[in-house]
């Protein structure tokens, strides 16, 4: 309703400005030459206004905007013919000779019959009404283009929001599935660290339920979430001395989109253990004002990739980056020397 009111106000303002300029020029011209506003000219002008709004409110929406071009031009021709017929037959004849500027320095041609001859009386109304029709068509087409442009942007925004909602909903079960696997690994070994793992998981879930639903979260909270996730992973890994996280820089003021880094880290732990049980996951996060540099390296283990049940996280994050940080991030993924590396540079909000 608000957008419709704004569109109506804009349309009204455009018409008011156009008519104000048009009336000023037209009336001033007649008034300066006659010292008054003759009744025939007011009727002549009223006919033009009627033609304007018939074209503006009916012909353009019903024919031109629906791509019925031939019907539109035929209708405009009929409209001009009717307006000229009405002006010539019903209205009093305007005395054009006394209302138009008169050349003072040059006499008229010998065969000039004056502006009140039939050709001029018909030609001038046609030209006048045609100008009004063209102006009305131009205004209506512009307003329609402006409305369609805004509508297209709104549709794109709604589509992006729907995609983001879908991607975020995918993350939660994907993360929970991986975390439960970690706890299951501890309980199957009857590890004394299983209760601590459950507590850590509860902290992670609390963050996901109560904070990650926001558009932005504080960077320090997101990094605390990452640290808790690493803590959970270290509990289930026997050889965890090569599992490291280094954070450099001031992280107190910046904001980031929630759950943006975790998929890269999940992927690193999923494939970062070799057949001997050795795990290598090294994460470095450097923050310089509103610039974040994320570097994650993991060992490429012997675990086979299952296309039907894996890969959601990485692809999910790539799509979210495209939607949330267009032209504000660079992502590089490399494989070399039995290492998988993710390098992300991101522009943060403050």
C-alpha atoms as a PDB file:
ATOM      1  CA  UNK A   1       0.000   0.000   0.000  1.00  0.00           C
ATOM      2  CA  UNK A   2       2.820   2.387   0.838  1.00  0.00           C
ATOM      3  CA  UNK A   3       4.572   1.662  -2.456  1.00  0.00           C
ATOM      4  CA  UNK A   4       1.301   2.233  -4.367  1.00  0.00           C
ATOM      5  CA  UNK A   5       0.851   5.574  -2.623  1.00  0.00           C
ATOM      6  CA  UNK A   6       4.400   6.571  -3.477  1.00  0.00           C
ATOM      7  CA  UNK A   7       3.862   5.603  -7.120  1.00  0.00           C
ATOM      8  CA  UNK A   8       0.594   7.568  -7.229  1.00  0.00           C
ATOM      9  CA  UNK A   9       2.265  10.622  -5.682  1.00  0.00           C
ATOM     10  CA  UNK A  10       5.103  10.467  -8.198  1.00  0.00           C
ATOM     11  CA  UNK A  11       2.680  10.139 -11.115  1.00  0.00           C
ATOM     12  CA  UNK A  12       0.606  13.073  -9.842  1.00  0.00           C
ATOM     13  CA  UNK A  13       3.690  15.236  -9.332  1.00  0.00           C
ATOM     14  CA  UNK A  14       4.924  14.564 -12.873  1.00  0.00           C
ATOM     15  CA  UNK A  15       1.538  15.541 -14.312  1.00  0.00           C
ATOM     16  CA  UNK A  16       1.305  18.680 -12.179  1.00  0.00           C
ATOM     17  CA  UNK A  17       4.743  19.834 -13.334  1.00  0.00           C
ATOM     18  CA  UNK A  18       3.987  19.113 -17.009  1.00  0.00           C
ATOM     19  CA  UNK A  19       0.624  20.891 -16.916  1.00  0.00           C
ATOM     20  CA  UNK A  20       2.030  23.860 -14.964  1.00  0.00           C
ATOM     21  CA  UNK A  21       4.733  24.406 -17.591  1.00  0.00           C
ATOM     22  CA  UNK A  22       2.331  23.837 -20.465  1.00  0.00           C
ATOM     23  CA  UNK A  23      -0.406  26.152 -19.133  1.00  0.00           C
ATOM     24  CA  UNK A  24       2.104  28.857 -18.290  1.00  0.00           C
ATOM     25  CA  UNK A  25       3.508  28.934 -21.819  1.00  0.00           C
ATOM     26  CA  UNK A  26       0.112  28.618 -23.544  1.00  0.00           C
ATOM     27  CA  UNK A  27      -1.867  31.086 -21.426  1.00  0.00           C
ATOM     28  CA  UNK A  28       0.909  33.659 -21.260  1.00  0.00           C
ATOM     29  CA  UNK A  29       1.260  33.594 -25.041  1.00  0.00           C
ATOM     30  CA  UNK A  30      -2.463  34.214 -25.570  1.00  0.00           C
ATOM     31  CA  UNK A  31      -2.770  36.730 -22.751  1.00  0.00           C
ATOM     32  CA  UNK A  32       0.198  38.846 -23.877  1.00  0.00           C
ATOM     33  CA  UNK A  33      -1.290  39.091 -27.373  1.00  0.00           C
ATOM     34  CA  UNK A  34      -4.924  39.776 -26.415  1.00  0.00           C
ATOM     35  CA  UNK A  35      -4.913  41.017 -22.830  1.00  0.00           C
ATOM     36  CA  UNK A  36      -7.500  38.361 -21.919  1.00  0.00           C
ATOM     37  CA  UNK A  37      -8.241  34.615 -22.065  1.00  0.00           C
ATOM     38  CA  UNK A  38     -10.964  34.136 -24.720  1.00  0.00           C
ATOM     39  CA  UNK A  39     -13.632  31.490 -24.107  1.00  0.00           C
ATOM     40  CA  UNK A  40     -13.007  29.684 -27.451  1.00  0.00           C
ATOM     41  CA  UNK A  41      -9.393  29.068 -26.462  1.00  0.00           C
ATOM     42  CA  UNK A  42     -10.447  27.634 -23.099  1.00  0.00           C
ATOM     43  CA  UNK A  43     -12.764  25.181 -24.907  1.00  0.00           C
ATOM     44  CA  UNK A  44      -9.981  24.391 -27.368  1.00  0.00           C
ATOM     45  CA  UNK A  45      -7.632  23.659 -24.466  1.00  0.00           C
ATOM     46  CA  UNK A  46     -10.246  21.546 -22.658  1.00  0.00           C
ATOM     47  CA  UNK A  47     -10.600  19.381 -25.783  1.00  0.00           C
ATOM     48  CA  UNK A  48      -6.834  18.818 -25.766  1.00  0.00           C
ATOM     49  CA  UNK A  49      -6.875  17.841 -22.063  1.00  0.00           C
ATOM     50  CA  UNK A  50      -9.642  15.293 -22.692  1.00  0.00           C
ATOM     51  CA  UNK A  51      -7.646  13.821 -25.591  1.00  0.00           C
ATOM     52  CA  UNK A  52      -4.559  13.674 -23.348  1.00  0.00           C
ATOM     53  CA  UNK A  53      -6.288  11.661 -20.623  1.00  0.00           C
ATOM     54  CA  UNK A  54      -8.159   9.335 -22.980  1.00  0.00           C
ATOM     55  CA  UNK A  55      -4.759   8.401 -24.415  1.00  0.00           C
ATOM     56  CA  UNK A  56      -3.001   8.410 -21.036  1.00  0.00           C
ATOM     57  CA  UNK A  57      -5.557   6.407 -19.042  1.00  0.00           C
ATOM     58  CA  UNK A  58      -7.015   4.109 -21.698  1.00  0.00           C
ATOM     59  CA  UNK A  59      -5.220   3.879 -25.053  1.00  0.00           C
ATOM     60  CA  UNK A  60      -1.660   3.447 -23.756  1.00  0.00           C
ATOM     61  CA  UNK A  61      -2.501   0.844 -21.037  1.00  0.00           C
ATOM     62  CA  UNK A  62      -4.979  -1.109 -23.181  1.00  0.00           C
ATOM     63  CA  UNK A  63      -3.123  -1.116 -26.500  1.00  0.00           C
ATOM     64  CA  UNK A  64       0.457   0.170 -26.457  1.00  0.00           C
ATOM     65  CA  UNK A  65       1.590  -1.527 -23.225  1.00  0.00           C
ATOM     66  CA  UNK A  66      -0.012  -4.762 -24.411  1.00  0.00           C
ATOM     67  CA  UNK A  67       1.964  -4.499 -27.671  1.00  0.00           C
ATOM     68  CA  UNK A  68      -1.134  -3.912 -29.808  1.00  0.00           C
ATOM     69  CA  UNK A  69       0.669  -1.260 -31.816  1.00  0.00           C
ATOM     70  CA  UNK A  70      -1.571  -1.157 -34.892  1.00  0.00           C
ATOM     71  CA  UNK A  71      -4.725  -0.837 -32.782  1.00  0.00           C
ATOM     72  CA  UNK A  72      -3.052   1.887 -30.758  1.00  0.00           C
ATOM     73  CA  UNK A  73      -2.144   4.010 -33.787  1.00  0.00           C
ATOM     74  CA  UNK A  74      -5.624   3.528 -35.271  1.00  0.00           C
ATOM     75  CA  UNK A  75      -7.177   4.583 -31.953  1.00  0.00           C
ATOM     76  CA  UNK A  76      -4.936   7.665 -31.771  1.00  0.00           C
ATOM     77  CA  UNK A  77      -5.923   8.614 -35.338  1.00  0.00           C
ATOM     78  CA  UNK A  78      -9.633   8.295 -34.417  1.00  0.00           C
ATOM     79  CA  UNK A  79      -9.073  10.292 -31.230  1.00  0.00           C
ATOM     80  CA  UNK A  80      -7.386  13.132 -33.144  1.00  0.00           C
ATOM     81  CA  UNK A  81     -10.117  13.104 -35.771  1.00  0.00           C
ATOM     82  CA  UNK A  82     -12.860  13.298 -33.139  1.00  0.00           C
ATOM     83  CA  UNK A  83     -11.113  16.075 -31.216  1.00  0.00           C
ATOM     84  CA  UNK A  84     -10.644  18.153 -34.369  1.00  0.00           C
ATOM     85  CA  UNK A  85     -14.260  17.521 -35.431  1.00  0.00           C
ATOM     86  CA  UNK A  86     -15.478  18.603 -32.005  1.00  0.00           C
ATOM     87  CA  UNK A  87     -13.293  21.709 -32.133  1.00  0.00           C
ATOM     88  CA  UNK A  88     -14.438  22.662 -35.645  1.00  0.00           C
ATOM     89  CA  UNK A  89     -18.173  21.929 -35.396  1.00  0.00           C
ATOM     90  CA  UNK A  90     -19.236  22.453 -31.784  1.00  0.00           C
ATOM     91  CA  UNK A  91     -16.832  24.972 -30.277  1.00  0.00           C
ATOM     92  CA  UNK A  92     -16.881  28.654 -31.269  1.00  0.00           C
ATOM     93  CA  UNK A  93     -14.172  29.396 -33.824  1.00  0.00           C
ATOM     94  CA  UNK A  94     -11.096  30.880 -32.167  1.00  0.00           C
ATOM     95  CA  UNK A  95      -9.858  34.017 -33.876  1.00  0.00           C
ATOM     96  CA  UNK A  96      -6.309  32.774 -34.451  1.00  0.00           C
ATOM     97  CA  UNK A  97      -5.342  35.937 -36.265  1.00  0.00           C
ATOM     98  CA  UNK A  98      -5.802  38.046 -33.144  1.00  0.00           C
ATOM     99  CA  UNK A  99      -4.309  35.574 -30.699  1.00  0.00           C
ATOM    100  CA  UNK A 100      -1.017  34.675 -32.370  1.00  0.00           C
ATOM    101  CA  UNK A 101       2.105  36.859 -32.552  1.00  0.00           C
ATOM    102  CA  UNK A 102       2.034  39.209 -35.524  1.00  0.00           C
ATOM    103  CA  UNK A 103       5.102  39.911 -37.639  1.00  0.00           C
ATOM    104  CA  UNK A 104       5.692  43.638 -37.588  1.00  0.00           C
ATOM    105  CA  UNK A 105       8.568  44.093 -39.946  1.00  0.00           C
ATOM    106  CA  UNK A 106       7.561  41.827 -42.829  1.00  0.00           C
ATOM    107  CA  UNK A 107       4.241  41.923 -44.696  1.00  0.00           C
ATOM    108  CA  UNK A 108       2.492  38.573 -45.309  1.00  0.00           C
ATOM    109  CA  UNK A 109       2.747  36.909 -48.752  1.00  0.00           C
ATOM    110  CA  UNK A 110       0.341  38.155 -51.388  1.00  0.00           C
ATOM    111  CA  UNK A 111      -1.712  34.931 -51.478  1.00  0.00           C
ATOM    112  CA  UNK A 112      -1.750  34.462 -47.672  1.00  0.00           C
ATOM    113  CA  UNK A 113      -5.377  34.134 -46.500  1.00  0.00           C
ATOM    114  CA  UNK A 114      -4.618  34.448 -42.781  1.00  0.00           C
ATOM    115  CA  UNK A 115      -4.548  31.881 -39.987  1.00  0.00           C
ATOM    116  CA  UNK A 116      -8.346  31.555 -39.965  1.00  0.00           C
ATOM    117  CA  UNK A 117      -8.535  29.583 -43.205  1.00  0.00           C
ATOM    118  CA  UNK A 118      -9.826  26.001 -43.011  1.00  0.00           C
ATOM    119  CA  UNK A 119      -6.412  24.351 -43.504  1.00  0.00           C
ATOM    120  CA  UNK A 120      -4.930  26.236 -40.578  1.00  0.00           C
ATOM    121  CA  UNK A 121      -8.016  25.729 -38.383  1.00  0.00           C
ATOM    122  CA  UNK A 122      -7.773  21.970 -38.897  1.00  0.00           C
ATOM    123  CA  UNK A 123      -3.998  21.679 -38.894  1.00  0.00           C
ATOM    124  CA  UNK A 124      -3.365  23.599 -35.716  1.00  0.00           C
ATOM    125  CA  UNK A 125      -5.756  21.513 -33.505  1.00  0.00           C
ATOM    126  CA  UNK A 126      -4.311  18.297 -34.947  1.00  0.00           C
ATOM    127  CA  UNK A 127      -0.775  19.445 -34.158  1.00  0.00           C
ATOM    128  CA  UNK A 128      -1.801  20.705 -30.709  1.00  0.00           C
ATOM    129  CA  UNK A 129      -3.619  17.496 -29.718  1.00  0.00           C
ATOM    130  CA  UNK A 130      -0.877  15.320 -31.214  1.00  0.00           C
ATOM    131  CA  UNK A 131       1.692  17.070 -29.016  1.00  0.00           C
ATOM    132  CA  UNK A 132      -0.445  16.359 -25.941  1.00  0.00           C
ATOM    133  CA  UNK A 133      -0.871  12.707 -26.978  1.00  0.00           C
ATOM    134  CA  UNK A 134       2.900  12.295 -27.453  1.00  0.00           C
ATOM    135  CA  UNK A 135       3.603  13.909 -24.077  1.00  0.00           C
ATOM    136  CA  UNK A 136       1.049  11.654 -22.361  1.00  0.00           C
ATOM    137  CA  UNK A 137       2.467   8.545 -24.028  1.00  0.00           C
ATOM    138  CA  UNK A 138       6.010   9.472 -22.997  1.00  0.00           C
ATOM    139  CA  UNK A 139       4.984  10.070 -19.364  1.00  0.00           C
ATOM    140  CA  UNK A 140       3.016   6.809 -19.149  1.00  0.00           C
ATOM    141  CA  UNK A 141       5.805   4.774 -20.732  1.00  0.00           C
ATOM    142  CA  UNK A 142       8.405   6.274 -18.379  1.00  0.00           C
ATOM    143  CA  UNK A 143       6.291   5.626 -15.280  1.00  0.00           C
ATOM    144  CA  UNK A 144       5.596   2.067 -16.424  1.00  0.00           C
ATOM    145  CA  UNK A 145       9.311   1.469 -17.028  1.00  0.00           C
ATOM    146  CA  UNK A 146      10.140   2.905 -13.597  1.00  0.00           C
ATOM    147  CA  UNK A 147       7.500   0.690 -11.921  1.00  0.00           C
ATOM    148  CA  UNK A 148       8.738  -2.440 -13.715  1.00  0.00           C
ATOM    149  CA  UNK A 149      12.354  -1.659 -12.776  1.00  0.00           C
ATOM    150  CA  UNK A 150      11.453  -1.353  -9.087  1.00  0.00           C
ATOM    151  CA  UNK A 151       9.305  -4.481  -9.259  1.00  0.00           C
ATOM    152  CA  UNK A 152      12.172  -6.437 -10.831  1.00  0.00           C
ATOM    153  CA  UNK A 153      14.535  -5.306  -8.058  1.00  0.00           C
ATOM    154  CA  UNK A 154      11.999  -6.340  -5.431  1.00  0.00           C
ATOM    155  CA  UNK A 155      11.591  -9.760  -7.052  1.00  0.00           C
ATOM    156  CA  UNK A 156      15.380 -10.214  -7.138  1.00  0.00           C
ATOM    157  CA  UNK A 157      15.643  -9.225  -3.458  1.00  0.00           C
ATOM    158  CA  UNK A 158      12.892 -11.653  -2.498  1.00  0.00           C
ATOM    159  CA  UNK A 159      14.556 -14.375  -4.523  1.00  0.00           C
ATOM    160  CA  UNK A 160      17.912 -13.712  -2.830  1.00  0.00           C
ATOM    161  CA  UNK A 161      16.302 -13.756   0.625  1.00  0.00           C
ATOM    162  CA  UNK A 162      14.557 -17.025  -0.177  1.00  0.00           C
ATOM    163  CA  UNK A 163      17.808 -18.559  -1.393  1.00  0.00           C
ATOM    164  CA  UNK A 164      19.651 -17.389   1.716  1.00  0.00           C
ATOM    165  CA  UNK A 165      16.936 -18.781   3.967  1.00  0.00           C
ATOM    166  CA  UNK A 166      17.133 -22.102   2.156  1.00  0.00           C
ATOM    167  CA  UNK A 167      20.930 -22.215   2.385  1.00  0.00           C
ATOM    168  CA  UNK A 168      20.933 -21.318   6.075  1.00  0.00           C
ATOM    169  CA  UNK A 169      18.362 -24.040   6.776  1.00  0.00           C
ATOM    170  CA  UNK A 170      20.642 -26.505   4.988  1.00  0.00           C
ATOM    171  CA  UNK A 171      23.577 -25.570   7.212  1.00  0.00           C
ATOM    172  CA  UNK A 172      21.945 -26.447  10.531  1.00  0.00           C
ATOM    173  CA  UNK A 173      21.181 -30.129   9.887  1.00  0.00           C
ATOM    174  CA  UNK A 174      24.468 -30.520   8.018  1.00  0.00           C
ATOM    175  CA  UNK A 175      26.426 -29.170  10.993  1.00  0.00           C
ATOM    176  CA  UNK A 176      24.385 -31.138  13.518  1.00  0.00           C
ATOM    177  CA  UNK A 177      24.955 -34.353  11.558  1.00  0.00           C
ATOM    178  CA  UNK A 178      28.746 -33.846  11.604  1.00  0.00           C
ATOM    179  CA  UNK A 179      28.788 -32.889  15.315  1.00  0.00           C
ATOM    180  CA  UNK A 180      26.739 -35.916  16.339  1.00  0.00           C
ATOM    181  CA  UNK A 181      29.182 -38.080  14.430  1.00  0.00           C
ATOM    182  CA  UNK A 182      31.982 -36.605  16.540  1.00  0.00           C
ATOM    183  CA  UNK A 183      30.142 -37.294  19.804  1.00  0.00           C
ATOM    184  CA  UNK A 184      29.224 -40.777  18.628  1.00  0.00           C
ATOM    185  CA  UNK A 185      32.914 -41.428  18.030  1.00  0.00           C
ATOM    186  CA  UNK A 186      33.664 -40.479  21.647  1.00  0.00           C
ATOM    187  CA  UNK A 187      30.842 -42.511  23.164  1.00  0.00           C
ATOM    188  CA  UNK A 188      31.744 -45.586  21.102  1.00  0.00           C
ATOM    189  CA  UNK A 189      35.208 -45.406  22.650  1.00  0.00           C
ATOM    190  CA  UNK A 190      33.645 -44.873  26.108  1.00  0.00           C
ATOM    191  CA  UNK A 191      35.700 -41.706  26.374  1.00  0.00           C
ATOM    192  CA  UNK A 192      35.512 -39.657  29.568  1.00  0.00           C
ATOM    193  CA  UNK A 193      35.457 -36.581  27.371  1.00  0.00           C
ATOM    194  CA  UNK A 194      32.016 -37.382  25.941  1.00  0.00           C
ATOM    195  CA  UNK A 195      30.147 -35.269  28.568  1.00  0.00           C
ATOM    196  CA  UNK A 196      32.370 -32.274  27.779  1.00  0.00           C
ATOM    197  CA  UNK A 197      31.666 -32.809  24.105  1.00  0.00           C
ATOM    198  CA  UNK A 198      27.919 -32.695  24.780  1.00  0.00           C
ATOM    199  CA  UNK A 199      28.335 -29.419  26.706  1.00  0.00           C
ATOM    200  CA  UNK A 200      30.390 -27.949  23.870  1.00  0.00           C
ATOM    201  CA  UNK A 201      27.766 -29.034  21.351  1.00  0.00           C
ATOM    202  CA  UNK A 202      25.072 -27.347  23.443  1.00  0.00           C
ATOM    203  CA  UNK A 203      27.071 -24.087  23.276  1.00  0.00           C
ATOM    204  CA  UNK A 204      27.340 -24.427  19.529  1.00  0.00           C
ATOM    205  CA  UNK A 205      23.618 -25.122  19.158  1.00  0.00           C
ATOM    206  CA  UNK A 206      22.726 -22.180  21.403  1.00  0.00           C
ATOM    207  CA  UNK A 207      24.692 -19.886  19.109  1.00  0.00           C
ATOM    208  CA  UNK A 208      23.018 -21.306  16.020  1.00  0.00           C
ATOM    209  CA  UNK A 209      19.522 -20.997  17.484  1.00  0.00           C
ATOM    210  CA  UNK A 210      19.696 -17.576  19.115  1.00  0.00           C
ATOM    211  CA  UNK A 211      22.376 -15.607  17.272  1.00  0.00           C
ATOM    212  CA  UNK A 212      22.971 -17.100  13.840  1.00  0.00           C
ATOM    213  CA  UNK A 213      19.456 -16.210  12.710  1.00  0.00           C
ATOM    214  CA  UNK A 214      20.441 -12.524  12.523  1.00  0.00           C
ATOM    215  CA  UNK A 215      21.648 -10.888   9.323  1.00  0.00           C
ATOM    216  CA  UNK A 216      24.967 -10.009  10.991  1.00  0.00           C
ATOM    217  CA  UNK A 217      26.749 -11.212  14.121  1.00  0.00           C
ATOM    218  CA  UNK A 218      29.758  -9.803  15.939  1.00  0.00           C
ATOM    219  CA  UNK A 219      32.992 -11.217  14.549  1.00  0.00           C
ATOM    220  CA  UNK A 220      34.236 -12.086  18.048  1.00  0.00           C
ATOM    221  CA  UNK A 221      31.105 -14.230  18.625  1.00  0.00           C
ATOM    222  CA  UNK A 222      31.546 -16.005  15.308  1.00  0.00           C
ATOM    223  CA  UNK A 223      35.191 -16.753  16.130  1.00  0.00           C
ATOM    224  CA  UNK A 224      34.205 -18.034  19.572  1.00  0.00           C
ATOM    225  CA  UNK A 225      31.813 -20.377  17.805  1.00  0.00           C
ATOM    226  CA  UNK A 226      34.692 -21.570  15.581  1.00  0.00           C
ATOM    227  CA  UNK A 227      36.874 -22.131  18.655  1.00  0.00           C
ATOM    228  CA  UNK A 228      34.153 -24.245  20.302  1.00  0.00           C
ATOM    229  CA  UNK A 229      33.842 -26.278  17.133  1.00  0.00           C
ATOM    230  CA  UNK A 230      37.596 -26.940  17.117  1.00  0.00           C
ATOM    231  CA  UNK A 231      37.397 -27.885  20.788  1.00  0.00           C
ATOM    232  CA  UNK A 232      34.741 -30.452  19.937  1.00  0.00           C
ATOM    233  CA  UNK A 233      36.843 -31.872  17.121  1.00  0.00           C
ATOM    234  CA  UNK A 234      40.003 -32.094  19.262  1.00  0.00           C
ATOM    235  CA  UNK A 235      38.092 -34.199  21.799  1.00  0.00           C
ATOM    236  CA  UNK A 236      37.443 -36.932  19.247  1.00  0.00           C
ATOM    237  CA  UNK A 237      40.863 -36.865  17.536  1.00  0.00           C
ATOM    238  CA  UNK A 238      43.651 -38.885  19.108  1.00  0.00           C
ATOM    239  CA  UNK A 239      46.555 -37.099  17.381  1.00  0.00           C
ATOM    240  CA  UNK A 240      45.395 -33.494  17.550  1.00  0.00           C
ATOM    241  CA  UNK A 241      48.711 -31.690  17.964  1.00  0.00           C
ATOM    242  CA  UNK A 242      48.498 -30.496  14.349  1.00  0.00           C
ATOM    243  CA  UNK A 243      45.037 -29.029  14.829  1.00  0.00           C
ATOM    244  CA  UNK A 244      45.652 -25.298  15.321  1.00  0.00           C
ATOM    245  CA  UNK A 245      43.763 -22.031  15.188  1.00  0.00           C
ATOM    246  CA  UNK A 246      45.536 -18.665  15.200  1.00  0.00           C
ATOM    247  CA  UNK A 247      43.610 -15.403  15.282  1.00  0.00           C
ATOM    248  CA  UNK A 248      45.450 -12.113  14.806  1.00  0.00           C
ATOM    249  CA  UNK A 249      44.153  -8.595  14.993  1.00  0.00           C
ATOM    250  CA  UNK A 250      41.436  -6.672  16.797  1.00  0.00           C
ATOM    251  CA  UNK A 251      38.060  -8.434  16.401  1.00  0.00           C
ATOM    252  CA  UNK A 252      35.949  -6.435  18.856  1.00  0.00           C
ATOM    253  CA  UNK A 253      34.010  -4.110  16.535  1.00  0.00           C
ATOM    254  CA  UNK A 254      33.531  -5.875  13.194  1.00  0.00           C
ATOM    255  CA  UNK A 255      30.471  -7.796  12.048  1.00  0.00           C
ATOM    256  CA  UNK A 256      30.178 -10.785   9.746  1.00  0.00           C
ATOM    257  CA  UNK A 257      27.434 -12.888   8.231  1.00  0.00           C
ATOM    258  CA  UNK A 258      26.788 -15.878  10.526  1.00  0.00           C
ATOM    259  CA  UNK A 259      28.104 -19.392   9.856  1.00  0.00           C
ATOM    260  CA  UNK A 260      30.198 -18.246   6.925  1.00  0.00           C
ATOM    261  CA  UNK A 261      33.515 -19.922   7.792  1.00  0.00           C
ATOM    262  CA  UNK A 262      32.348 -23.114   9.443  1.00  0.00           C
ATOM    263  CA  UNK A 263      31.752 -25.089   6.235  1.00  0.00           C
ATOM    264  CA  UNK A 264      35.391 -24.725   5.177  1.00  0.00           C
ATOM    265  CA  UNK A 265      36.476 -25.894   8.643  1.00  0.00           C
ATOM    266  CA  UNK A 266      34.036 -28.810   8.667  1.00  0.00           C
ATOM    267  CA  UNK A 267      35.361 -29.926   5.300  1.00  0.00           C
ATOM    268  CA  UNK A 268      38.943 -29.727   6.598  1.00  0.00           C
ATOM    269  CA  UNK A 269      38.167 -32.061   9.511  1.00  0.00           C
ATOM    270  CA  UNK A 270      36.126 -34.406   7.366  1.00  0.00           C
ATOM    271  CA  UNK A 271      38.987 -35.111   4.947  1.00  0.00           C
ATOM    272  CA  UNK A 272      42.024 -34.039   7.007  1.00  0.00           C
ATOM    273  CA  UNK A 273      42.964 -37.437   8.498  1.00  0.00           C
ATOM    274  CA  UNK A 274      45.173 -39.940   6.687  1.00  0.00           C
ATOM    275  CA  UNK A 275      45.064 -43.740   6.890  1.00  0.00           C
ATOM    276  CA  UNK A 276      47.476 -43.696   9.861  1.00  0.00           C
ATOM    277  CA  UNK A 277      45.124 -41.549  11.911  1.00  0.00           C
ATOM    278  CA  UNK A 278      47.223 -38.414  11.593  1.00  0.00           C
ATOM    279  CA  UNK A 279      45.185 -35.201  11.357  1.00  0.00           C
ATOM    280  CA  UNK A 280      46.433 -31.891  10.024  1.00  0.00           C
ATOM    281  CA  UNK A 281      44.166 -28.844  10.115  1.00  0.00           C
ATOM    282  CA  UNK A 282      45.761 -25.416  10.372  1.00  0.00           C
ATOM    283  CA  UNK A 283      43.573 -22.338  10.435  1.00  0.00           C
ATOM    284  CA  UNK A 284      44.836 -18.761  10.388  1.00  0.00           C
ATOM    285  CA  UNK A 285      42.544 -15.754  10.626  1.00  0.00           C
ATOM    286  CA  UNK A 286      44.011 -12.276  10.311  1.00  0.00           C
ATOM    287  CA  UNK A 287      41.857  -9.175  10.816  1.00  0.00           C
ATOM    288  CA  UNK A 288      43.065  -5.734   9.775  1.00  0.00           C
ATOM    289  CA  UNK A 289      40.361  -3.147  10.480  1.00  0.00           C
ATOM    290  CA  UNK A 290      37.473  -4.291   8.236  1.00  0.00           C
ATOM    291  CA  UNK A 291      39.492  -6.774   6.155  1.00  0.00           C
ATOM    292  CA  UNK A 292      39.514 -10.463   7.072  1.00  0.00           C
ATOM    293  CA  UNK A 293      42.004 -12.989   5.705  1.00  0.00           C
ATOM    294  CA  UNK A 294      41.097 -16.641   6.251  1.00  0.00           C
ATOM    295  CA  UNK A 295      43.527 -19.446   5.472  1.00  0.00           C
ATOM    296  CA  UNK A 296      42.645 -23.092   6.109  1.00  0.00           C
ATOM    297  CA  UNK A 297      44.968 -25.967   5.223  1.00  0.00           C
ATOM    298  CA  UNK A 298      44.235 -29.637   5.757  1.00  0.00           C
ATOM    299  CA  UNK A 299      45.794 -32.949   4.860  1.00  0.00           C
ATOM    300  CA  UNK A 300      44.090 -34.799   2.026  1.00  0.00           C
ATOM    301  CA  UNK A 301      43.281 -38.134   3.639  1.00  0.00           C
ATOM    302  CA  UNK A 302      42.142 -41.392   2.128  1.00  0.00           C
ATOM    303  CA  UNK A 303      38.446 -40.871   2.846  1.00  0.00           C
ATOM    304  CA  UNK A 304      36.429 -41.102  -0.351  1.00  0.00           C
ATOM    305  CA  UNK A 305      34.093 -38.344  -1.307  1.00  0.00           C
ATOM    306  CA  UNK A 306      30.456 -39.434  -1.519  1.00  0.00           C
ATOM    307  CA  UNK A 307      28.787 -37.156  -4.073  1.00  0.00           C
ATOM    308  CA  UNK A 308      25.306 -38.016  -2.817  1.00  0.00           C
ATOM    309  CA  UNK A 309      25.933 -37.079   0.835  1.00  0.00           C
ATOM    310  CA  UNK A 310      28.794 -34.607   0.924  1.00  0.00           C
ATOM    311  CA  UNK A 311      29.837 -31.343  -0.576  1.00  0.00           C
ATOM    312  CA  UNK A 312      26.759 -29.469   0.648  1.00  0.00           C
ATOM    313  CA  UNK A 313      28.770 -27.243   2.959  1.00  0.00           C
ATOM    314  CA  UNK A 314      31.367 -25.955   0.497  1.00  0.00           C
ATOM    315  CA  UNK A 315      28.909 -25.342  -2.312  1.00  0.00           C
ATOM    316  CA  UNK A 316      26.519 -23.779   0.163  1.00  0.00           C
ATOM    317  CA  UNK A 317      29.163 -21.323   1.349  1.00  0.00           C
ATOM    318  CA  UNK A 318      30.233 -20.407  -2.198  1.00  0.00           C
ATOM    319  CA  UNK A 319      26.631 -19.533  -3.046  1.00  0.00           C
ATOM    320  CA  UNK A 320      26.178 -17.542   0.161  1.00  0.00           C
ATOM    321  CA  UNK A 321      29.354 -15.586  -0.549  1.00  0.00           C
ATOM    322  CA  UNK A 322      28.058 -14.692  -4.008  1.00  0.00           C
ATOM    323  CA  UNK A 323      24.755 -13.510  -2.547  1.00  0.00           C
ATOM    324  CA  UNK A 324      25.989 -11.797   0.615  1.00  0.00           C
ATOM    325  CA  UNK A 325      29.363 -10.404  -0.434  1.00  0.00           C
ATOM    326  CA  UNK A 326      29.188  -9.635  -4.160  1.00  0.00           C
ATOM    327  CA  UNK A 327      32.405  -7.865  -5.240  1.00  0.00           C
ATOM    328  CA  UNK A 328      33.497  -7.860  -1.586  1.00  0.00           C
ATOM    329  CA  UNK A 329      35.333 -11.141  -1.367  1.00  0.00           C
ATOM    330  CA  UNK A 330      37.874 -13.314  -3.143  1.00  0.00           C
ATOM    331  CA  UNK A 331      37.931 -17.084  -2.720  1.00  0.00           C
ATOM    332  CA  UNK A 332      40.720 -19.382  -3.829  1.00  0.00           C
ATOM    333  CA  UNK A 333      40.709 -23.178  -3.383  1.00  0.00           C
ATOM    334  CA  UNK A 334      43.865 -25.151  -4.140  1.00  0.00           C
ATOM    335  CA  UNK A 335      45.134 -28.734  -3.996  1.00  0.00           C
ATOM    336  CA  UNK A 336      48.909 -29.307  -3.942  1.00  0.00           C
ATOM    337  CA  UNK A 337      51.400 -31.620  -2.246  1.00  0.00           C
ATOM    338  CA  UNK A 338      48.628 -33.676  -0.655  1.00  0.00           C
ATOM    339  CA  UNK A 339      47.229 -30.519   0.928  1.00  0.00           C
ATOM    340  CA  UNK A 340      43.852 -28.844   0.471  1.00  0.00           C
ATOM    341  CA  UNK A 341      43.905 -25.078   0.961  1.00  0.00           C
ATOM    342  CA  UNK A 342      41.141 -22.470   1.204  1.00  0.00           C
ATOM    343  CA  UNK A 343      42.081 -18.783   1.051  1.00  0.00           C
ATOM    344  CA  UNK A 344      39.326 -16.240   1.622  1.00  0.00           C
ATOM    345  CA  UNK A 345      39.617 -12.457   1.745  1.00  0.00           C
ATOM    346  CA  UNK A 346      36.534 -10.682   2.962  1.00  0.00           C
ATOM    347  CA  UNK A 347      35.345  -7.108   3.472  1.00  0.00           C
ATOM    348  CA  UNK A 348      33.709  -6.901   6.886  1.00  0.00           C
ATOM    349  CA  UNK A 349      30.945  -4.641   8.143  1.00  0.00           C
ATOM    350  CA  UNK A 350      31.634  -2.331  11.082  1.00  0.00           C
END
